[in-house]
Amino acid sequence: MTEGYVLSLAQNALLVTLIIAAPVMFGSLIVGTLVSLFQAATSINEATLTFIPKVLVGGAILAILGSWMGQQLLAFTTTLFNNLASLPR
């Protein structure tokens, strides 16, 4: 196992993590910004008003893109296990 292999593995792991987490994070960011603008315009300062829409959007994105996210993670894990089997000891 060389340094290059370990760095490549870490880079691929971070990239897959970013790809999987990005849709939920961006959806929550957009909804949070819209709710914050609504709160600023109406002077409503309720903490649960931001929480519930974010959870609903996160759940909807997971319901829509969950199988794709699972496929990405499965492909990375399969590649990882196949490559680990061929490493010299």
PDB file of N, CA and C in Angstrom:
ATOM      1  N   MET A   1       0.852  -1.161   0.000  1.00  0.00           N
ATOM      2  CA  MET A   1       0.000   0.000   0.000  1.00  0.00           C
ATOM      3  C   MET A   1       0.905   1.233   0.000  1.00  0.00           C
ATOM      4  N   THR A   2       0.817   2.016  -1.031  1.00  0.00           N
ATOM      5  CA  THR A   2       1.667   3.186  -1.168  1.00  0.00           C
ATOM      6  C   THR A   2       0.941   4.437  -0.685  1.00  0.00           C
ATOM      7  N   GLU A   3       1.724   5.501  -0.549  1.00  0.00           N
ATOM      8  CA  GLU A   3       1.138   6.774  -0.135  1.00  0.00           C
ATOM      9  C   GLU A   3       0.172   7.293  -1.188  1.00  0.00           C
ATOM     10  N   GLY A   4       0.514   7.103  -2.436  1.00  0.00           N
ATOM     11  CA  GLY A   4      -0.357   7.545  -3.518  1.00  0.00           C
ATOM     12  C   GLY A   4      -1.709   6.856  -3.502  1.00  0.00           C
ATOM     13  N   TYR A   5      -1.689   5.561  -3.197  1.00  0.00           N
ATOM     14  CA  TYR A   5      -2.943   4.816  -3.125  1.00  0.00           C
ATOM     15  C   TYR A   5      -3.809   5.310  -1.971  1.00  0.00           C
ATOM     16  N   VAL A   6      -3.195   5.551  -0.835  1.00  0.00           N
ATOM     17  CA  VAL A   6      -3.942   6.015   0.333  1.00  0.00           C
ATOM     18  C   VAL A   6      -4.523   7.398   0.073  1.00  0.00           C
ATOM     19  N   LEU A   7      -3.734   8.284  -0.537  1.00  0.00           N
ATOM     20  CA  LEU A   7      -4.231   9.620  -0.850  1.00  0.00           C
ATOM     21  C   LEU A   7      -5.356   9.569  -1.881  1.00  0.00           C
ATOM     22  N   SER A   8      -5.221   8.704  -2.867  1.00  0.00           N
ATOM     23  CA  SER A   8      -6.272   8.540  -3.866  1.00  0.00           C
ATOM     24  C   SER A   8      -7.548   7.996  -3.230  1.00  0.00           C
ATOM     25  N   LEU A   9      -7.406   7.054  -2.327  1.00  0.00           N
ATOM     26  CA  LEU A   9      -8.552   6.493  -1.623  1.00  0.00           C
ATOM     27  C   LEU A   9      -9.244   7.558  -0.780  1.00  0.00           C
ATOM     28  N   ALA A  10      -8.471   8.350  -0.063  1.00  0.00           N
ATOM     29  CA  ALA A  10      -9.046   9.412   0.767  1.00  0.00           C
ATOM     30  C   ALA A  10      -9.740  10.459  -0.100  1.00  0.00           C
ATOM     31  N   GLN A  11      -9.138  10.801  -1.230  1.00  0.00           N
ATOM     32  CA  GLN A  11      -9.736  11.775  -2.139  1.00  0.00           C
ATOM     33  C   GLN A  11     -11.063  11.255  -2.693  1.00  0.00           C
ATOM     34  N   ASN A  12     -11.090  10.001  -3.097  1.00  0.00           N
ATOM     35  CA  ASN A  12     -12.322   9.428  -3.620  1.00  0.00           C
ATOM     36  C   ASN A  12     -13.398   9.327  -2.540  1.00  0.00           C
ATOM     37  N   ALA A  13     -12.999   9.011  -1.314  1.00  0.00           N
ATOM     38  CA  ALA A  13     -13.968   8.927  -0.223  1.00  0.00           C
ATOM     39  C   ALA A  13     -14.588  10.293   0.064  1.00  0.00           C
ATOM     40  N   LEU A  14     -13.766  11.329   0.075  1.00  0.00           N
ATOM     41  CA  LEU A  14     -14.292  12.674   0.303  1.00  0.00           C
ATOM     42  C   LEU A  14     -15.180  13.134  -0.841  1.00  0.00           C
ATOM     43  N   LEU A  15     -14.813  12.777  -2.066  1.00  0.00           N
ATOM     44  CA  LEU A  15     -15.618  13.154  -3.221  1.00  0.00           C
ATOM     45  C   LEU A  15     -16.982  12.466  -3.187  1.00  0.00           C
ATOM     46  N   VAL A  16     -17.015  11.194  -2.860  1.00  0.00           N
ATOM     47  CA  VAL A  16     -18.291  10.478  -2.768  1.00  0.00           C
ATOM     48  C   VAL A  16     -19.139  11.055  -1.638  1.00  0.00           C
ATOM     49  N   THR A  17     -18.520  11.389  -0.520  1.00  0.00           N
ATOM     50  CA  THR A  17     -19.249  12.001   0.586  1.00  0.00           C
ATOM     51  C   THR A  17     -19.858  13.329   0.172  1.00  0.00           C
ATOM     52  N   LEU A  18     -19.098  14.134  -0.548  1.00  0.00           N
ATOM     53  CA  LEU A  18     -19.595  15.420  -1.020  1.00  0.00           C
ATOM     54  C   LEU A  18     -20.738  15.241  -2.003  1.00  0.00           C
ATOM     55  N   ILE A  19     -20.617  14.300  -2.910  1.00  0.00           N
ATOM     56  CA  ILE A  19     -21.658  14.056  -3.904  1.00  0.00           C
ATOM     57  C   ILE A  19     -22.939  13.573  -3.240  1.00  0.00           C
ATOM     58  N   ILE A  20     -22.812  12.725  -2.241  1.00  0.00           N
ATOM     59  CA  ILE A  20     -24.000  12.181  -1.576  1.00  0.00           C
ATOM     60  C   ILE A  20     -24.668  13.239  -0.688  1.00  0.00           C
ATOM     61  N   ALA A  21     -23.894  14.054  -0.005  1.00  0.00           N
ATOM     62  CA  ALA A  21     -24.456  15.014   0.945  1.00  0.00           C
ATOM     63  C   ALA A  21     -24.926  16.308   0.293  1.00  0.00           C
ATOM     64  N   ALA A  22     -24.423  16.630  -0.884  1.00  0.00           N
ATOM     65  CA  ALA A  22     -24.709  17.926  -1.498  1.00  0.00           C
ATOM     66  C   ALA A  22     -26.193  18.201  -1.747  1.00  0.00           C
ATOM     67  N   PRO A  23     -26.966  17.275  -2.301  1.00  0.00           N
ATOM     68  CA  PRO A  23     -28.377  17.623  -2.556  1.00  0.00           C
ATOM     69  C   PRO A  23     -29.160  17.979  -1.292  1.00  0.00           C
ATOM     70  N   VAL A  24     -28.959  17.239  -0.222  1.00  0.00           N
ATOM     71  CA  VAL A  24     -29.685  17.528   1.020  1.00  0.00           C
ATOM     72  C   VAL A  24     -29.198  18.842   1.622  1.00  0.00           C
ATOM     73  N   MET A  25     -27.900  19.055   1.585  1.00  0.00           N
ATOM     74  CA  MET A  25     -27.350  20.290   2.161  1.00  0.00           C
ATOM     75  C   MET A  25     -27.819  21.521   1.390  1.00  0.00           C
ATOM     76  N   PHE A  26     -27.790  21.459   0.052  1.00  0.00           N
ATOM     77  CA  PHE A  26     -28.215  22.608  -0.743  1.00  0.00           C
ATOM     78  C   PHE A  26     -29.718  22.845  -0.610  1.00  0.00           C
ATOM     79  N   GLY A  27     -30.496  21.774  -0.546  1.00  0.00           N
ATOM     80  CA  GLY A  27     -31.934  21.942  -0.342  1.00  0.00           C
ATOM     81  C   GLY A  27     -32.238  22.607   0.990  1.00  0.00           C
ATOM     82  N   SER A  28     -31.565  22.170   2.037  1.00  0.00           N
ATOM     83  CA  SER A  28     -31.751  22.777   3.358  1.00  0.00           C
ATOM     84  C   SER A  28     -31.268  24.223   3.379  1.00  0.00           C
ATOM     85  N   LEU A  29     -30.193  24.503   2.665  1.00  0.00           N
ATOM     86  CA  LEU A  29     -29.672  25.866   2.593  1.00  0.00           C
ATOM     87  C   LEU A  29     -30.670  26.799   1.925  1.00  0.00           C
ATOM     88  N   ILE A  30     -31.248  26.359   0.823  1.00  0.00           N
ATOM     89  CA  ILE A  30     -32.203  27.202   0.094  1.00  0.00           C
ATOM     90  C   ILE A  30     -33.460  27.430   0.925  1.00  0.00           C
ATOM     91  N   VAL A  31     -33.992  26.360   1.519  1.00  0.00           N
ATOM     92  CA  VAL A  31     -35.204  26.503   2.340  1.00  0.00           C
ATOM     93  C   VAL A  31     -34.925  27.357   3.573  1.00  0.00           C
ATOM     94  N   GLY A  32     -33.780  27.171   4.204  1.00  0.00           N
ATOM     95  CA  GLY A  32     -33.428  27.980   5.368  1.00  0.00           C
ATOM     96  C   GLY A  32     -33.306  29.451   5.032  1.00  0.00           C
ATOM     97  N   THR A  33     -32.738  29.741   3.870  1.00  0.00           N
ATOM     98  CA  THR A  33     -32.619  31.139   3.445  1.00  0.00           C
ATOM     99  C   THR A  33     -33.988  31.751   3.176  1.00  0.00           C
ATOM    100  N   LEU A  34     -34.855  31.002   2.507  1.00  0.00           N
ATOM    101  CA  LEU A  34     -36.197  31.518   2.223  1.00  0.00           C
ATOM    102  C   LEU A  34     -36.994  31.736   3.507  1.00  0.00           C
ATOM    103  N   VAL A  35     -36.894  30.812   4.443  1.00  0.00           N
ATOM    104  CA  VAL A  35     -37.611  30.962   5.708  1.00  0.00           C
ATOM    105  C   VAL A  35     -37.040  32.132   6.507  1.00  0.00           C
ATOM    106  N   SER A  36     -35.734  32.311   6.464  1.00  0.00           N
ATOM    107  CA  SER A  36     -35.123  33.440   7.174  1.00  0.00           C
ATOM    108  C   SER A  36     -35.566  34.780   6.581  1.00  0.00           C
ATOM    109  N   LEU A  37     -35.661  34.830   5.259  1.00  0.00           N
ATOM    110  CA  LEU A  37     -36.168  36.056   4.629  1.00  0.00           C
ATOM    111  C   LEU A  37     -37.615  36.315   5.030  1.00  0.00           C
ATOM    112  N   PHE A  38     -38.416  35.257   5.087  1.00  0.00           N
ATOM    113  CA  PHE A  38     -39.809  35.395   5.527  1.00  0.00           C
ATOM    114  C   PHE A  38     -39.875  35.875   6.970  1.00  0.00           C
ATOM    115  N   GLN A  39     -39.022  35.318   7.822  1.00  0.00           N
ATOM    116  CA  GLN A  39     -39.015  35.732   9.229  1.00  0.00           C
ATOM    117  C   GLN A  39     -38.573  37.184   9.373  1.00  0.00           C
ATOM    118  N   ALA A  40     -37.601  37.597   8.573  1.00  0.00           N
ATOM    119  CA  ALA A  40     -37.138  38.982   8.653  1.00  0.00           C
ATOM    120  C   ALA A  40     -38.209  39.947   8.152  1.00  0.00           C
ATOM    121  N   ALA A  41     -38.948  39.530   7.134  1.00  0.00           N
ATOM    122  CA  ALA A  41     -39.979  40.405   6.579  1.00  0.00           C
ATOM    123  C   ALA A  41     -41.178  40.528   7.509  1.00  0.00           C
ATOM    124  N   THR A  42     -41.492  39.469   8.236  1.00  0.00           N
ATOM    125  CA  THR A  42     -42.676  39.487   9.090  1.00  0.00           C
ATOM    126  C   THR A  42     -42.362  39.663  10.571  1.00  0.00           C
ATOM    127  N   SER A  43     -41.091  39.726  10.932  1.00  0.00           N
ATOM    128  CA  SER A  43     -40.643  39.874  12.323  1.00  0.00           C
ATOM    129  C   SER A  43     -41.114  38.732  13.219  1.00  0.00           C
ATOM    130  N   ILE A  44     -41.208  37.544  12.642  1.00  0.00           N
ATOM    131  CA  ILE A  44     -41.538  36.352  13.419  1.00  0.00           C
ATOM    132  C   ILE A  44     -40.230  35.700  13.838  1.00  0.00           C
ATOM    133  N   ASN A  45     -40.047  35.506  15.137  1.00  0.00           N
ATOM    134  CA  ASN A  45     -38.828  34.886  15.639  1.00  0.00           C
ATOM    135  C   ASN A  45     -39.161  33.568  16.326  1.00  0.00           C
ATOM    136  N   GLU A  46     -39.491  32.592  15.545  1.00  0.00           N
ATOM    137  CA  GLU A  46     -39.842  31.267  16.061  1.00  0.00           C
ATOM    138  C   GLU A  46     -38.809  30.270  15.558  1.00  0.00           C
ATOM    139  N   ALA A  47     -38.171  29.546  16.480  1.00  0.00           N
ATOM    140  CA  ALA A  47     -37.093  28.623  16.112  1.00  0.00           C
ATOM    141  C   ALA A  47     -37.607  27.419  15.345  1.00  0.00           C
ATOM    142  N   THR A  48     -38.796  26.945  15.671  1.00  0.00           N
ATOM    143  CA  THR A  48     -39.312  25.752  14.996  1.00  0.00           C
ATOM    144  C   THR A  48     -39.764  26.057  13.579  1.00  0.00           C
ATOM    145  N   LEU A  49     -39.958  27.323  13.264  1.00  0.00           N
ATOM    146  CA  LEU A  49     -40.378  27.680  11.909  1.00  0.00           C
ATOM    147  C   LEU A  49     -39.296  27.350  10.884  1.00  0.00           C
ATOM    148  N   THR A  50     -38.036  27.375  11.268  1.00  0.00           N
ATOM    149  CA  THR A  50     -36.969  27.008  10.336  1.00  0.00           C
ATOM    150  C   THR A  50     -36.699  25.514  10.339  1.00  0.00           C
ATOM    151  N   PHE A  51     -36.965  24.855  11.448  1.00  0.00           N
ATOM    152  CA  PHE A  51     -36.639  23.436  11.573  1.00  0.00           C
ATOM    153  C   PHE A  51     -37.552  22.544  10.739  1.00  0.00           C
ATOM    154  N   ILE A  52     -38.835  22.746  10.820  1.00  0.00           N
ATOM    155  CA  ILE A  52     -39.798  21.861  10.164  1.00  0.00           C
ATOM    156  C   ILE A  52     -39.665  21.871   8.642  1.00  0.00           C
ATOM    157  N   PRO A  53     -39.575  23.026   7.968  1.00  0.00           N
ATOM    158  CA  PRO A  53     -39.403  22.983   6.510  1.00  0.00           C
ATOM    159  C   PRO A  53     -38.093  22.326   6.070  1.00  0.00           C
ATOM    160  N   LYS A  54     -37.031  22.526   6.832  1.00  0.00           N
ATOM    161  CA  LYS A  54     -35.754  21.888   6.490  1.00  0.00           C
ATOM    162  C   LYS A  54     -35.852  20.372   6.583  1.00  0.00           C
ATOM    163  N   VAL A  55     -36.518  19.880   7.614  1.00  0.00           N
ATOM    164  CA  VAL A  55     -36.682  18.432   7.770  1.00  0.00           C
ATOM    165  C   VAL A  55     -37.543  17.877   6.642  1.00  0.00           C
ATOM    166  N   LEU A  56     -38.602  18.581   6.288  1.00  0.00           N
ATOM    167  CA  LEU A  56     -39.471  18.121   5.207  1.00  0.00           C
ATOM    168  C   LEU A  56     -38.753  18.096   3.864  1.00  0.00           C
ATOM    169  N   VAL A  57     -37.979  19.128   3.579  1.00  0.00           N
ATOM    170  CA  VAL A  57     -37.227  19.162   2.317  1.00  0.00           C
ATOM    171  C   VAL A  57     -36.146  18.097   2.316  1.00  0.00           C
ATOM    172  N   GLY A  58     -35.454  17.929   3.419  1.00  0.00           N
ATOM    173  CA  GLY A  58     -34.436  16.880   3.516  1.00  0.00           C
ATOM    174  C   GLY A  58     -35.031  15.501   3.312  1.00  0.00           C
ATOM    175  N   GLY A  59     -36.185  15.242   3.919  1.00  0.00           N
ATOM    176  CA  GLY A  59     -36.856  13.963   3.736  1.00  0.00           C
ATOM    177  C   GLY A  59     -37.326  13.756   2.308  1.00  0.00           C
ATOM    178  N   ALA A  60     -37.833  14.818   1.679  1.00  0.00           N
ATOM    179  CA  ALA A  60     -38.280  14.707   0.291  1.00  0.00           C
ATOM    180  C   ALA A  60     -37.107  14.428  -0.645  1.00  0.00           C
ATOM    181  N   ILE A  61     -35.991  15.097  -0.418  1.00  0.00           N
ATOM    182  CA  ILE A  61     -34.817  14.866  -1.259  1.00  0.00           C
ATOM    183  C   ILE A  61     -34.296  13.451  -1.055  1.00  0.00           C
ATOM    184  N   LEU A  62     -34.285  12.982   0.179  1.00  0.00           N
ATOM    185  CA  LEU A  62     -33.856  11.602   0.430  1.00  0.00           C
ATOM    186  C   LEU A  62     -34.806  10.592  -0.207  1.00  0.00           C
ATOM    187  N   ALA A  63     -36.106  10.895  -0.195  1.00  0.00           N
ATOM    188  CA  ALA A  63     -37.065   9.987  -0.816  1.00  0.00           C
ATOM    189  C   ALA A  63     -36.888   9.955  -2.335  1.00  0.00           C
ATOM    190  N   ILE A  64     -36.582  11.100  -2.922  1.00  0.00           N
ATOM    191  CA  ILE A  64     -36.426  11.169  -4.380  1.00  0.00           C
ATOM    192  C   ILE A  64     -35.069  10.633  -4.826  1.00  0.00           C
ATOM    193  N   LEU A  65     -34.000  11.042  -4.150  1.00  0.00           N
ATOM    194  CA  LEU A  65     -32.641  10.702  -4.583  1.00  0.00           C
ATOM    195  C   LEU A  65     -31.976   9.618  -3.742  1.00  0.00           C
ATOM    196  N   GLY A  66     -32.707   9.021  -2.825  1.00  0.00           N
ATOM    197  CA  GLY A  66     -32.109   8.035  -1.927  1.00  0.00           C
ATOM    198  C   GLY A  66     -31.536   6.825  -2.638  1.00  0.00           C
ATOM    199  N   SER A  67     -32.236   6.323  -3.644  1.00  0.00           N
ATOM    200  CA  SER A  67     -31.724   5.146  -4.355  1.00  0.00           C
ATOM    201  C   SER A  67     -30.460   5.497  -5.139  1.00  0.00           C
ATOM    202  N   TRP A  68     -30.420   6.689  -5.720  1.00  0.00           N
ATOM    203  CA  TRP A  68     -29.213   7.113  -6.444  1.00  0.00           C
ATOM    204  C   TRP A  68     -28.035   7.261  -5.475  1.00  0.00           C
ATOM    205  N   MET A  69     -28.294   7.830  -4.296  1.00  0.00           N
ATOM    206  CA  MET A  69     -27.238   7.972  -3.295  1.00  0.00           C
ATOM    207  C   MET A  69     -26.727   6.610  -2.849  1.00  0.00           C
ATOM    208  N   GLY A  70     -27.631   5.678  -2.655  1.00  0.00           N
ATOM    209  CA  GLY A  70     -27.231   4.327  -2.278  1.00  0.00           C
ATOM    210  C   GLY A  70     -26.412   3.642  -3.362  1.00  0.00           C
ATOM    211  N   GLN A  71     -26.778   3.863  -4.618  1.00  0.00           N
ATOM    212  CA  GLN A  71     -26.012   3.283  -5.728  1.00  0.00           C
ATOM    213  C   GLN A  71     -24.603   3.856  -5.784  1.00  0.00           C
ATOM    214  N   GLN A  72     -24.461   5.160  -5.545  1.00  0.00           N
ATOM    215  CA  GLN A  72     -23.142   5.778  -5.533  1.00  0.00           C
ATOM    216  C   GLN A  72     -22.279   5.200  -4.421  1.00  0.00           C
ATOM    217  N   LEU A  73     -22.862   5.051  -3.256  1.00  0.00           N
ATOM    218  CA  LEU A  73     -22.128   4.498  -2.117  1.00  0.00           C
ATOM    219  C   LEU A  73     -21.777   3.038  -2.338  1.00  0.00           C
ATOM    220  N   LEU A  74     -22.691   2.272  -2.924  1.00  0.00           N
ATOM    221  CA  LEU A  74     -22.437   0.871  -3.216  1.00  0.00           C
ATOM    222  C   LEU A  74     -21.335   0.712  -4.261  1.00  0.00           C
ATOM    223  N   ALA A  75     -21.335   1.563  -5.279  1.00  0.00           N
ATOM    224  CA  ALA A  75     -20.292   1.501  -6.305  1.00  0.00           C
ATOM    225  C   ALA A  75     -18.919   1.810  -5.704  1.00  0.00           C
ATOM    226  N   PHE A  76     -18.855   2.821  -4.836  1.00  0.00           N
ATOM    227  CA  PHE A  76     -17.581   3.153  -4.195  1.00  0.00           C
ATOM    228  C   PHE A  76     -17.105   2.014  -3.306  1.00  0.00           C
ATOM    229  N   THR A  77     -18.016   1.442  -2.527  1.00  0.00           N
ATOM    230  CA  THR A  77     -17.639   0.367  -1.612  1.00  0.00           C
ATOM    231  C   THR A  77     -17.193  -0.872  -2.379  1.00  0.00           C
ATOM    232  N   THR A  78     -17.884  -1.195  -3.458  1.00  0.00           N
ATOM    233  CA  THR A  78     -17.506  -2.351  -4.273  1.00  0.00           C
ATOM    234  C   THR A  78     -16.122  -2.155  -4.876  1.00  0.00           C
ATOM    235  N   THR A  79     -15.867  -0.965  -5.400  1.00  0.00           N
ATOM    236  CA  THR A  79     -14.550  -0.664  -5.958  1.00  0.00           C
ATOM    237  C   THR A  79     -13.474  -0.743  -4.881  1.00  0.00           C
ATOM    238  N   LEU A  80     -13.784  -0.241  -3.698  1.00  0.00           N
ATOM    239  CA  LEU A  80     -12.833  -0.272  -2.594  1.00  0.00           C
ATOM    240  C   LEU A  80     -12.487  -1.702  -2.202  1.00  0.00           C
ATOM    241  N   PHE A  81     -13.491  -2.552  -2.050  1.00  0.00           N
ATOM    242  CA  PHE A  81     -13.231  -3.939  -1.659  1.00  0.00           C
ATOM    243  C   PHE A  81     -12.511  -4.709  -2.762  1.00  0.00           C
ATOM    244  N   ASN A  82     -12.833  -4.437  -4.007  1.00  0.00           N
ATOM    245  CA  ASN A  82     -12.120  -5.107  -5.106  1.00  0.00           C
ATOM    246  C   ASN A  82     -10.664  -4.686  -5.163  1.00  0.00           C
ATOM    247  N   ASN A  83     -10.383  -3.422  -4.914  1.00  0.00           N
ATOM    248  CA  ASN A  83      -8.998  -2.939  -4.936  1.00  0.00           C
ATOM    249  C   ASN A  83      -8.212  -3.413  -3.715  1.00  0.00           C
ATOM    250  N   LEU A  84      -8.859  -3.532  -2.582  1.00  0.00           N
ATOM    251  CA  LEU A  84      -8.154  -3.990  -1.387  1.00  0.00           C
ATOM    252  C   LEU A  84      -7.726  -5.449  -1.508  1.00  0.00           C
ATOM    253  N   ALA A  85      -8.488  -6.240  -2.230  1.00  0.00           N
ATOM    254  CA  ALA A  85      -8.149  -7.636  -2.387  1.00  0.00           C
ATOM    255  C   ALA A  85      -6.893  -7.827  -3.240  1.00  0.00           C
ATOM    256  N   SER A  86      -6.593  -6.867  -4.097  1.00  0.00           N
ATOM    257  CA  SER A  86      -5.442  -7.017  -4.990  1.00  0.00           C
ATOM    258  C   SER A  86      -4.180  -6.342  -4.456  1.00  0.00           C
ATOM    259  N   LEU A  87      -4.210  -5.770  -3.267  1.00  0.00           N
ATOM    260  CA  LEU A  87      -3.030  -5.107  -2.722  1.00  0.00           C
ATOM    261  C   LEU A  87      -2.015  -6.122  -2.236  1.00  0.00           C
ATOM    262  N   PRO A  88      -0.738  -5.838  -2.449  1.00  0.00           N
ATOM    263  CA  PRO A  88       0.291  -6.734  -1.904  1.00  0.00           C
ATOM    264  C   PRO A  88       0.393  -6.573  -0.398  1.00  0.00           C
ATOM    265  N   ARG A  89       0.793  -7.634   0.253  1.00  0.00           N
ATOM    266  CA  ARG A  89       0.882  -7.586   1.710  1.00  0.00           C
ATOM    267  C   ARG A  89       2.286  -7.332   2.172  1.00  0.00           C
TER     268      ARG A  89
END
